[in-house]
Amino acid sequence: MRHWAGNEPGRIRIGSDAHKRLFCRMILDTHNPYKPAVIEWPALDADTLHRITSLPIWDIAVQTEGKAKLRVATYTNTIVDPLLREALTMDGDEEARHKVVLSKMVEAYGIALAPEPEYEVPKDPEWGWLVTGYSECIDSFFAFGLFESAKRTGYFPAELVETFEPVMQEEARHILFFANWVAWHRKQLPWWRRPAFELKVLRVWLFLIWERIGIAKGLDNNGEMQDANFTITGHQQIGLDLKIGELLELCLAQDSFRMGGYDERLLRPTFVPRMARLARRFMR
């Protein structure tokens, strides 16, 4: 899953048919056909089980994947191009599988979840796809670092790390696919439609920033707050002794590691890593 080179010859022009074939074949060719139903969840000792089950992320994680699979599927239904539709279908199916993995883990370890809300079909399919894609760009960047830190410290036992590794790498593939789709899609739009698209992208970013700084927090069905900040504050919540600058260094290193094995002609997500490097300059 982590190493792939496309068959397209020579240099690739961003926005071309060759570019589309490259990023679509990447997600299709690197699919890992693991089945959540046959995952053997490792037995955990009492202390480890308490650490895992007490993390305040499982409601959010399950609901996030539930929203993602619906948003991707809704956008996929608007696509006519056969190859792009196939790739988006794969992306959506993997999002759905992530939800199943989390649900199976929750069941295996007896984690109590709040009732899931009714997931609403986006009125604007493209908006929903953009929210999912850019949200994953933010969340996955920090999740890569947190996952590696928890692995190194033993906060997550090795058996559980191995179980979740395919999910983490799938997220890397998803944001790689999304970053290239955005670049390709921009080039496909006539010049007079590009300003509206860029405005929509800006609105998506403002929405996600608003959500993640905690100004907008939704109430779940139990009346409890759903915190959208775990990807940023998670190192504190799981008790990892990392300064924010050290966390950013680890996230940057893991982001490069997880993206490094794919065809170098594919664009990499840049905005969140660039902001992390900028923030790191002001930290000791």
C-alpha atoms as a PDB file:
ATOM      1  CA  MET A   1       0.000   0.000   0.000  1.00  0.00           C
ATOM      2  CA  ARG A   2       2.853   2.419   0.695  1.00  0.00           C
ATOM      3  CA  HIS A   3       4.874   2.052  -2.510  1.00  0.00           C
ATOM      4  CA  TRP A   4       3.461   2.600  -5.983  1.00  0.00           C
ATOM      5  CA  ALA A   5       4.586   3.976  -9.346  1.00  0.00           C
ATOM      6  CA  GLY A   6       2.225   4.641 -12.226  1.00  0.00           C
ATOM      7  CA  ASN A   7       2.554   3.416 -15.812  1.00  0.00           C
ATOM      8  CA  GLU A   8       2.088   6.869 -17.353  1.00  0.00           C
ATOM      9  CA  PRO A   9       5.276   7.767 -19.256  1.00  0.00           C
ATOM     10  CA  GLY A  10       7.288  10.950 -18.811  1.00  0.00           C
ATOM     11  CA  ARG A  11       6.276  14.190 -17.164  1.00  0.00           C
ATOM     12  CA  ILE A  12       2.654  14.666 -16.178  1.00  0.00           C
ATOM     13  CA  ARG A  13       0.834  17.910 -16.830  1.00  0.00           C
ATOM     14  CA  ILE A  14      -1.441  18.786 -13.921  1.00  0.00           C
ATOM     15  CA  GLY A  15      -5.051  18.726 -15.093  1.00  0.00           C
ATOM     16  CA  SER A  16      -4.411  16.392 -18.017  1.00  0.00           C
ATOM     17  CA  ASP A  17      -6.028  13.032 -18.693  1.00  0.00           C
ATOM     18  CA  ALA A  18      -2.706  11.414 -17.797  1.00  0.00           C
ATOM     19  CA  HIS A  19      -2.810  13.170 -14.426  1.00  0.00           C
ATOM     20  CA  LYS A  20      -6.348  11.884 -13.825  1.00  0.00           C
ATOM     21  CA  ARG A  21      -5.303   8.343 -14.737  1.00  0.00           C
ATOM     22  CA  LEU A  22      -2.307   8.595 -12.424  1.00  0.00           C
ATOM     23  CA  PHE A  23      -4.150   9.594  -9.245  1.00  0.00           C
ATOM     24  CA  CYS A  24      -7.112   7.330  -9.961  1.00  0.00           C
ATOM     25  CA  ARG A  25      -4.910   4.292 -10.624  1.00  0.00           C
ATOM     26  CA  MET A  26      -2.973   5.057  -7.438  1.00  0.00           C
ATOM     27  CA  ILE A  27      -5.999   4.615  -5.199  1.00  0.00           C
ATOM     28  CA  LEU A  28      -7.311   1.636  -7.164  1.00  0.00           C
ATOM     29  CA  ASP A  29      -4.031  -0.255  -7.474  1.00  0.00           C
ATOM     30  CA  THR A  30      -2.996   0.182  -3.822  1.00  0.00           C
ATOM     31  CA  HIS A  31      -6.263  -0.975  -2.287  1.00  0.00           C
ATOM     32  CA  ASN A  32      -5.762  -3.335   0.643  1.00  0.00           C
ATOM     33  CA  PRO A  33      -8.551  -5.968   0.639  1.00  0.00           C
ATOM     34  CA  TYR A  34      -8.558  -6.648   4.380  1.00  0.00           C
ATOM     35  CA  LYS A  35     -11.932  -7.559   5.901  1.00  0.00           C
ATOM     36  CA  PRO A  36     -12.982  -5.975   9.218  1.00  0.00           C
ATOM     37  CA  ALA A  37     -15.191  -8.942  10.092  1.00  0.00           C
ATOM     38  CA  VAL A  38     -12.206 -11.274  10.412  1.00  0.00           C
ATOM     39  CA  ILE A  39      -9.889  -8.925  12.351  1.00  0.00           C
ATOM     40  CA  GLU A  40      -8.726 -10.605  15.551  1.00  0.00           C
ATOM     41  CA  TRP A  41      -8.706  -7.864  18.146  1.00  0.00           C
ATOM     42  CA  PRO A  42      -5.846  -8.475  20.615  1.00  0.00           C
ATOM     43  CA  ALA A  43      -6.592  -9.132  24.256  1.00  0.00           C
ATOM     44  CA  LEU A  44      -5.585  -6.141  26.399  1.00  0.00           C
ATOM     45  CA  ASP A  45      -4.515  -6.075  30.015  1.00  0.00           C
ATOM     46  CA  ALA A  46      -6.697  -4.094  32.410  1.00  0.00           C
ATOM     47  CA  ASP A  47      -4.585  -0.911  32.379  1.00  0.00           C
ATOM     48  CA  THR A  48      -4.288  -0.809  28.602  1.00  0.00           C
ATOM     49  CA  LEU A  49      -7.977  -1.519  28.166  1.00  0.00           C
ATOM     50  CA  HIS A  50      -8.837   1.368  30.485  1.00  0.00           C
ATOM     51  CA  ARG A  51      -6.530   3.733  28.583  1.00  0.00           C
ATOM     52  CA  ILE A  52      -8.032   2.810  25.240  1.00  0.00           C
ATOM     53  CA  THR A  53     -11.671   2.825  26.281  1.00  0.00           C
ATOM     54  CA  SER A  54     -11.401   6.114  28.177  1.00  0.00           C
ATOM     55  CA  LEU A  55     -10.121   8.086  25.178  1.00  0.00           C
ATOM     56  CA  PRO A  56     -12.702  10.759  24.270  1.00  0.00           C
ATOM     57  CA  ILE A  57     -12.545  10.066  20.548  1.00  0.00           C
ATOM     58  CA  TRP A  58     -14.622   7.043  19.675  1.00  0.00           C
ATOM     59  CA  ASP A  59     -17.983   8.798  19.268  1.00  0.00           C
ATOM     60  CA  ILE A  60     -16.376  11.419  17.053  1.00  0.00           C
ATOM     61  CA  ALA A  61     -14.398   8.858  15.059  1.00  0.00           C
ATOM     62  CA  VAL A  62     -17.397   6.666  14.265  1.00  0.00           C
ATOM     63  CA  GLN A  63     -19.593   9.648  13.385  1.00  0.00           C
ATOM     64  CA  THR A  64     -16.875  11.237  11.248  1.00  0.00           C
ATOM     65  CA  GLU A  65     -16.537   8.085   9.159  1.00  0.00           C
ATOM     66  CA  GLY A  66     -20.323   7.854   8.908  1.00  0.00           C
ATOM     67  CA  LYS A  67     -20.498  11.372   7.502  1.00  0.00           C
ATOM     68  CA  ALA A  68     -17.520  10.774   5.217  1.00  0.00           C
ATOM     69  CA  LYS A  69     -18.902   7.667   3.535  1.00  0.00           C
ATOM     70  CA  LEU A  70     -22.221   9.427   2.831  1.00  0.00           C
ATOM     71  CA  ARG A  71     -20.573  12.592   1.512  1.00  0.00           C
ATOM     72  CA  VAL A  72     -18.202  10.716  -0.772  1.00  0.00           C
ATOM     73  CA  ALA A  73     -20.994   8.484  -2.062  1.00  0.00           C
ATOM     74  CA  THR A  74     -23.222  11.503  -2.729  1.00  0.00           C
ATOM     75  CA  TYR A  75     -20.527  13.228  -4.760  1.00  0.00           C
ATOM     76  CA  THR A  76     -19.651  10.006  -6.582  1.00  0.00           C
ATOM     77  CA  ASN A  77     -23.221   9.775  -7.843  1.00  0.00           C
ATOM     78  CA  THR A  78     -22.723  13.051  -9.734  1.00  0.00           C
ATOM     79  CA  ILE A  79     -19.676  11.801 -11.658  1.00  0.00           C
ATOM     80  CA  VAL A  80     -19.999  10.487 -15.214  1.00  0.00           C
ATOM     81  CA  ASP A  81     -16.333   9.786 -16.030  1.00  0.00           C
ATOM     82  CA  PRO A  82     -15.953   5.972 -15.570  1.00  0.00           C
ATOM     83  CA  LEU A  83     -12.413   5.933 -14.153  1.00  0.00           C
ATOM     84  CA  LEU A  84     -12.954   8.829 -11.754  1.00  0.00           C
ATOM     85  CA  ARG A  85     -16.243   7.319 -10.617  1.00  0.00           C
ATOM     86  CA  GLU A  86     -14.529   3.973  -9.977  1.00  0.00           C
ATOM     87  CA  ALA A  87     -11.789   5.663  -7.937  1.00  0.00           C
ATOM     88  CA  LEU A  88     -14.287   7.710  -5.912  1.00  0.00           C
ATOM     89  CA  THR A  89     -16.333   4.576  -5.284  1.00  0.00           C
ATOM     90  CA  MET A  90     -13.212   2.896  -3.919  1.00  0.00           C
ATOM     91  CA  ASP A  91     -12.511   5.914  -1.711  1.00  0.00           C
ATOM     92  CA  GLY A  92     -16.067   5.872  -0.354  1.00  0.00           C
ATOM     93  CA  ASP A  93     -16.029   2.114   0.200  1.00  0.00           C
ATOM     94  CA  GLU A  94     -12.841   2.443   2.225  1.00  0.00           C
ATOM     95  CA  GLU A  95     -14.410   5.214   4.315  1.00  0.00           C
ATOM     96  CA  ALA A  96     -17.342   2.895   4.979  1.00  0.00           C
ATOM     97  CA  ARG A  97     -14.916   0.133   5.934  1.00  0.00           C
ATOM     98  CA  HIS A  98     -13.172   2.433   8.421  1.00  0.00           C
ATOM     99  CA  LYS A  99     -16.497   2.860  10.172  1.00  0.00           C
ATOM    100  CA  VAL A 100     -16.946  -0.911  10.302  1.00  0.00           C
ATOM    101  CA  VAL A 101     -13.432  -1.347  11.746  1.00  0.00           C
ATOM    102  CA  LEU A 102     -14.165   1.190  14.470  1.00  0.00           C
ATOM    103  CA  SER A 103     -17.551  -0.384  15.182  1.00  0.00           C
ATOM    104  CA  LYS A 104     -15.962  -3.828  15.508  1.00  0.00           C
ATOM    105  CA  MET A 105     -13.310  -2.462  17.868  1.00  0.00           C
ATOM    106  CA  VAL A 106     -15.899  -0.684  19.972  1.00  0.00           C
ATOM    107  CA  GLU A 107     -17.851  -3.925  20.200  1.00  0.00           C
ATOM    108  CA  ALA A 108     -14.773  -6.011  21.032  1.00  0.00           C
ATOM    109  CA  TYR A 109     -13.662  -3.759  23.899  1.00  0.00           C
ATOM    110  CA  GLY A 110     -17.065  -2.798  25.250  1.00  0.00           C
ATOM    111  CA  ILE A 111     -16.753   0.924  24.547  1.00  0.00           C
ATOM    112  CA  ALA A 112     -20.031   2.738  25.159  1.00  0.00           C
ATOM    113  CA  LEU A 113     -21.012   5.123  22.383  1.00  0.00           C
ATOM    114  CA  ALA A 114     -23.669   7.781  22.169  1.00  0.00           C
ATOM    115  CA  PRO A 115     -26.444   7.019  19.687  1.00  0.00           C
ATOM    116  CA  GLU A 116     -25.396   7.943  16.166  1.00  0.00           C
ATOM    117  CA  PRO A 117     -27.197  10.914  14.647  1.00  0.00           C
ATOM    118  CA  GLU A 118     -29.106  10.664  11.408  1.00  0.00           C
ATOM    119  CA  TYR A 119     -26.585  11.494   8.708  1.00  0.00           C
ATOM    120  CA  GLU A 120     -27.884  14.106   6.289  1.00  0.00           C
ATOM    121  CA  VAL A 121     -27.274  13.925   2.558  1.00  0.00           C
ATOM    122  CA  PRO A 122     -25.395  17.107   1.532  1.00  0.00           C
ATOM    123  CA  LYS A 123     -27.534  19.540  -0.448  1.00  0.00           C
ATOM    124  CA  ASP A 124     -24.388  20.444  -2.397  1.00  0.00           C
ATOM    125  CA  PRO A 125     -22.523  17.183  -3.169  1.00  0.00           C
ATOM    126  CA  GLU A 126     -19.314  19.011  -4.083  1.00  0.00           C
ATOM    127  CA  TRP A 127     -19.375  20.931  -0.792  1.00  0.00           C
ATOM    128  CA  GLY A 128     -19.677  17.674   1.147  1.00  0.00           C
ATOM    129  CA  TRP A 129     -16.781  16.123  -0.786  1.00  0.00           C
ATOM    130  CA  LEU A 130     -14.590  19.184  -0.192  1.00  0.00           C
ATOM    131  CA  VAL A 131     -15.387  19.243   3.535  1.00  0.00           C
ATOM    132  CA  THR A 132     -14.489  15.563   3.822  1.00  0.00           C
ATOM    133  CA  GLY A 133     -11.292  15.895   1.795  1.00  0.00           C
ATOM    134  CA  TYR A 134      -9.902  18.984   3.517  1.00  0.00           C
ATOM    135  CA  SER A 135     -10.995  17.711   6.926  1.00  0.00           C
ATOM    136  CA  GLU A 136      -9.005  14.531   6.331  1.00  0.00           C
ATOM    137  CA  CYS A 137      -6.006  16.627   5.281  1.00  0.00           C
ATOM    138  CA  ILE A 138      -6.064  18.311   8.710  1.00  0.00           C
ATOM    139  CA  ASP A 139      -6.970  15.327  10.849  1.00  0.00           C
ATOM    140  CA  SER A 140      -4.666  12.832   9.166  1.00  0.00           C
ATOM    141  CA  PHE A 141      -1.636  15.111   9.440  1.00  0.00           C
ATOM    142  CA  PHE A 142      -1.937  15.199  13.225  1.00  0.00           C
ATOM    143  CA  ALA A 143      -3.140  11.610  13.481  1.00  0.00           C
ATOM    144  CA  PHE A 144       0.038  10.378  11.771  1.00  0.00           C
ATOM    145  CA  GLY A 145       2.168  11.992  14.472  1.00  0.00           C
ATOM    146  CA  LEU A 146      -0.053  10.940  17.374  1.00  0.00           C
ATOM    147  CA  PHE A 147      -0.197   7.362  16.107  1.00  0.00           C
ATOM    148  CA  GLU A 148       3.584   7.149  15.810  1.00  0.00           C
ATOM    149  CA  SER A 149       4.096   8.710  19.227  1.00  0.00           C
ATOM    150  CA  ALA A 150       1.633   6.310  20.844  1.00  0.00           C
ATOM    151  CA  LYS A 151       3.439   3.464  19.082  1.00  0.00           C
ATOM    152  CA  ARG A 152       6.884   4.543  20.297  1.00  0.00           C
ATOM    153  CA  THR A 153       5.793   5.072  23.889  1.00  0.00           C
ATOM    154  CA  GLY A 154       3.791   1.859  24.070  1.00  0.00           C
ATOM    155  CA  TYR A 155       0.575   3.739  24.809  1.00  0.00           C
ATOM    156  CA  PHE A 156      -0.939   1.592  22.056  1.00  0.00           C
ATOM    157  CA  PRO A 157       0.301  -2.017  22.324  1.00  0.00           C
ATOM    158  CA  ALA A 158       2.107  -3.392  19.296  1.00  0.00           C
ATOM    159  CA  GLU A 159      -0.764  -5.729  18.398  1.00  0.00           C
ATOM    160  CA  LEU A 160      -3.244  -2.837  18.273  1.00  0.00           C
ATOM    161  CA  VAL A 161      -0.816  -0.700  16.271  1.00  0.00           C
ATOM    162  CA  GLU A 162      -0.507  -3.479  13.704  1.00  0.00           C
ATOM    163  CA  THR A 163      -4.288  -3.777  13.484  1.00  0.00           C
ATOM    164  CA  PHE A 164      -4.786  -0.064  12.797  1.00  0.00           C
ATOM    165  CA  GLU A 165      -1.797   0.402  10.476  1.00  0.00           C
ATOM    166  CA  PRO A 166      -3.773  -0.319   7.269  1.00  0.00           C
ATOM    167  CA  VAL A 167      -6.370   2.282   8.274  1.00  0.00           C
ATOM    168  CA  MET A 168      -3.699   4.932   8.824  1.00  0.00           C
ATOM    169  CA  GLN A 169      -2.105   4.273   5.444  1.00  0.00           C
ATOM    170  CA  GLU A 170      -5.476   4.355   3.745  1.00  0.00           C
ATOM    171  CA  GLU A 171      -5.972   7.868   5.097  1.00  0.00           C
ATOM    172  CA  ALA A 172      -2.660   8.872   3.513  1.00  0.00           C
ATOM    173  CA  ARG A 173      -3.875   7.515   0.166  1.00  0.00           C
ATOM    174  CA  HIS A 174      -7.175   9.341   0.528  1.00  0.00           C
ATOM    175  CA  ILE A 175      -5.652  12.757   1.067  1.00  0.00           C
ATOM    176  CA  LEU A 176      -3.120  12.138  -1.713  1.00  0.00           C
ATOM    177  CA  PHE A 177      -5.997  11.283  -4.050  1.00  0.00           C
ATOM    178  CA  PHE A 178      -7.976  14.320  -2.877  1.00  0.00           C
ATOM    179  CA  ALA A 179      -5.089  16.773  -3.310  1.00  0.00           C
ATOM    180  CA  ASN A 180      -4.582  15.622  -6.877  1.00  0.00           C
ATOM    181  CA  TRP A 181      -8.303  15.657  -7.624  1.00  0.00           C
ATOM    182  CA  VAL A 182      -8.525  19.296  -6.459  1.00  0.00           C
ATOM    183  CA  ALA A 183      -5.622  20.309  -8.704  1.00  0.00           C
ATOM    184  CA  TRP A 184      -7.048  18.375 -11.662  1.00  0.00           C
ATOM    185  CA  HIS A 185     -10.589  19.677 -11.107  1.00  0.00           C
ATOM    186  CA  ARG A 186      -9.409  23.298 -11.059  1.00  0.00           C
ATOM    187  CA  LYS A 187      -7.850  22.835 -14.470  1.00  0.00           C
ATOM    188  CA  GLN A 188     -11.030  21.241 -15.810  1.00  0.00           C
ATOM    189  CA  LEU A 189     -13.202  24.225 -14.929  1.00  0.00           C
ATOM    190  CA  PRO A 190     -13.681  27.001 -17.475  1.00  0.00           C
ATOM    191  CA  TRP A 191     -12.076  30.244 -16.342  1.00  0.00           C
ATOM    192  CA  TRP A 192     -15.393  31.863 -15.485  1.00  0.00           C
ATOM    193  CA  ARG A 193     -16.284  29.073 -12.993  1.00  0.00           C
ATOM    194  CA  ARG A 194     -12.958  29.042 -11.170  1.00  0.00           C
ATOM    195  CA  PRO A 195     -13.630  32.083  -8.922  1.00  0.00           C
ATOM    196  CA  ALA A 196     -16.814  30.441  -7.566  1.00  0.00           C
ATOM    197  CA  PHE A 197     -14.902  27.214  -6.896  1.00  0.00           C
ATOM    198  CA  GLU A 198     -12.110  29.056  -5.089  1.00  0.00           C
ATOM    199  CA  LEU A 199     -14.700  30.889  -3.009  1.00  0.00           C
ATOM    200  CA  LYS A 200     -16.262  27.557  -2.086  1.00  0.00           C
ATOM    201  CA  VAL A 201     -12.848  26.185  -1.066  1.00  0.00           C
ATOM    202  CA  LEU A 202     -12.272  29.266   1.090  1.00  0.00           C
ATOM    203  CA  ARG A 203     -15.665  28.795   2.739  1.00  0.00           C
ATOM    204  CA  VAL A 204     -14.808  25.165   3.466  1.00  0.00           C
ATOM    205  CA  TRP A 205     -11.529  26.150   5.126  1.00  0.00           C
ATOM    206  CA  LEU A 206     -13.256  28.831   7.208  1.00  0.00           C
ATOM    207  CA  PHE A 207     -15.856  26.278   8.278  1.00  0.00           C
ATOM    208  CA  LEU A 208     -13.203  23.741   9.283  1.00  0.00           C
ATOM    209  CA  ILE A 209     -11.101  26.316  11.148  1.00  0.00           C
ATOM    210  CA  TRP A 210     -14.211  27.569  12.942  1.00  0.00           C
ATOM    211  CA  GLU A 211     -15.018  24.011  13.942  1.00  0.00           C
ATOM    212  CA  ARG A 212     -11.553  23.134  15.142  1.00  0.00           C
ATOM    213  CA  ILE A 213     -10.855  26.170  17.297  1.00  0.00           C
ATOM    214  CA  GLY A 214     -13.884  25.194  19.309  1.00  0.00           C
ATOM    215  CA  ILE A 215     -16.092  28.188  18.559  1.00  0.00           C
ATOM    216  CA  ALA A 216     -18.632  25.871  17.002  1.00  0.00           C
ATOM    217  CA  LYS A 217     -19.207  22.631  18.927  1.00  0.00           C
ATOM    218  CA  GLY A 218     -22.247  20.520  18.307  1.00  0.00           C
ATOM    219  CA  LEU A 219     -24.290  18.726  20.956  1.00  0.00           C
ATOM    220  CA  ASP A 220     -24.790  15.018  20.540  1.00  0.00           C
ATOM    221  CA  ASN A 221     -28.050  13.227  21.274  1.00  0.00           C
ATOM    222  CA  ASN A 222     -27.105  12.902  24.940  1.00  0.00           C
ATOM    223  CA  GLY A 223     -26.518  16.613  25.250  1.00  0.00           C
ATOM    224  CA  GLU A 224     -22.758  16.129  25.557  1.00  0.00           C
ATOM    225  CA  MET A 225     -20.175  18.195  23.719  1.00  0.00           C
ATOM    226  CA  GLN A 226     -18.480  16.666  20.702  1.00  0.00           C
ATOM    227  CA  ASP A 227     -14.948  18.100  20.742  1.00  0.00           C
ATOM    228  CA  ALA A 228     -13.451  18.620  17.270  1.00  0.00           C
ATOM    229  CA  ASN A 229     -10.000  19.461  18.635  1.00  0.00           C
ATOM    230  CA  PHE A 230      -8.643  16.005  19.453  1.00  0.00           C
ATOM    231  CA  THR A 231      -6.271  15.892  16.496  1.00  0.00           C
ATOM    232  CA  ILE A 232      -4.546  18.991  17.905  1.00  0.00           C
ATOM    233  CA  THR A 233      -4.864  18.416  21.670  1.00  0.00           C
ATOM    234  CA  GLY A 234      -4.722  14.631  21.552  1.00  0.00           C
ATOM    235  CA  HIS A 235      -1.117  14.406  22.753  1.00  0.00           C
ATOM    236  CA  GLN A 236      -2.284  15.928  26.059  1.00  0.00           C
ATOM    237  CA  GLN A 237      -5.439  13.852  26.296  1.00  0.00           C
ATOM    238  CA  ILE A 238      -3.559  10.572  25.909  1.00  0.00           C
ATOM    239  CA  GLY A 239      -0.823  11.662  28.290  1.00  0.00           C
ATOM    240  CA  LEU A 240       2.087  11.957  25.866  1.00  0.00           C
ATOM    241  CA  ASP A 241       4.908  14.183  27.082  1.00  0.00           C
ATOM    242  CA  LEU A 242       5.388  16.189  23.900  1.00  0.00           C
ATOM    243  CA  LYS A 243       5.744  19.914  23.425  1.00  0.00           C
ATOM    244  CA  ILE A 244       3.709  21.269  20.534  1.00  0.00           C
ATOM    245  CA  GLY A 245       6.868  21.935  18.512  1.00  0.00           C
ATOM    246  CA  GLU A 246       7.997  18.347  18.987  1.00  0.00           C
ATOM    247  CA  LEU A 247       4.566  17.104  17.978  1.00  0.00           C
ATOM    248  CA  LEU A 248       4.694  19.179  14.787  1.00  0.00           C
ATOM    249  CA  GLU A 249       8.148  17.780  13.974  1.00  0.00           C
ATOM    250  CA  LEU A 250       6.853  14.255  14.382  1.00  0.00           C
ATOM    251  CA  CYS A 251       3.741  14.974  12.310  1.00  0.00           C
ATOM    252  CA  LEU A 252       5.860  16.440   9.498  1.00  0.00           C
ATOM    253  CA  ALA A 253       8.209  13.464   9.541  1.00  0.00           C
ATOM    254  CA  GLN A 254       5.357  10.953   9.498  1.00  0.00           C
ATOM    255  CA  ASP A 255       3.516  12.847   6.780  1.00  0.00           C
ATOM    256  CA  SER A 256       6.618  12.637   4.565  1.00  0.00           C
ATOM    257  CA  PHE A 257       7.099   8.973   5.445  1.00  0.00           C
ATOM    258  CA  ARG A 258       3.555   7.983   4.562  1.00  0.00           C
ATOM    259  CA  MET A 259       3.538   9.955   1.308  1.00  0.00           C
ATOM    260  CA  GLY A 260       7.092   9.227   0.230  1.00  0.00           C
ATOM    261  CA  GLY A 261       6.552   5.865  -1.475  1.00  0.00           C
ATOM    262  CA  TYR A 262       4.052   7.010  -4.094  1.00  0.00           C
ATOM    263  CA  ASP A 263       4.805   8.183  -7.617  1.00  0.00           C
ATOM    264  CA  GLU A 264       6.744  11.432  -7.275  1.00  0.00           C
ATOM    265  CA  ARG A 265       4.698  12.985 -10.084  1.00  0.00           C
ATOM    266  CA  LEU A 266       1.642  13.019  -7.824  1.00  0.00           C
ATOM    267  CA  LEU A 267       1.078  16.252  -5.910  1.00  0.00           C
ATOM    268  CA  ARG A 268       1.293  16.066  -2.135  1.00  0.00           C
ATOM    269  CA  PRO A 269      -1.059  17.890   0.254  1.00  0.00           C
ATOM    270  CA  THR A 270       0.854  21.042   1.188  1.00  0.00           C
ATOM    271  CA  PHE A 271      -1.317  23.509   3.112  1.00  0.00           C
ATOM    272  CA  VAL A 272      -1.329  21.853   6.541  1.00  0.00           C
ATOM    273  CA  PRO A 273       2.377  20.866   6.434  1.00  0.00           C
ATOM    274  CA  ARG A 274       3.236  24.415   5.316  1.00  0.00           C
ATOM    275  CA  MET A 275       1.265  25.901   8.221  1.00  0.00           C
ATOM    276  CA  ALA A 276       2.960  23.460  10.601  1.00  0.00           C
ATOM    277  CA  ARG A 277       6.410  24.527   9.386  1.00  0.00           C
ATOM    278  CA  LEU A 278       5.418  28.166   9.776  1.00  0.00           C
ATOM    279  CA  ALA A 279       4.169  27.589  13.315  1.00  0.00           C
ATOM    280  CA  ARG A 280       7.299  25.624  14.200  1.00  0.00           C
ATOM    281  CA  ARG A 281       9.475  28.617  13.347  1.00  0.00           C
ATOM    282  CA  PHE A 282       7.959  30.526  16.262  1.00  0.00           C
ATOM    283  CA  MET A 283       8.433  27.708  18.770  1.00  0.00           C
ATOM    284  CA  ARG A 284      11.504  26.718  20.689  1.00  0.00           C
END
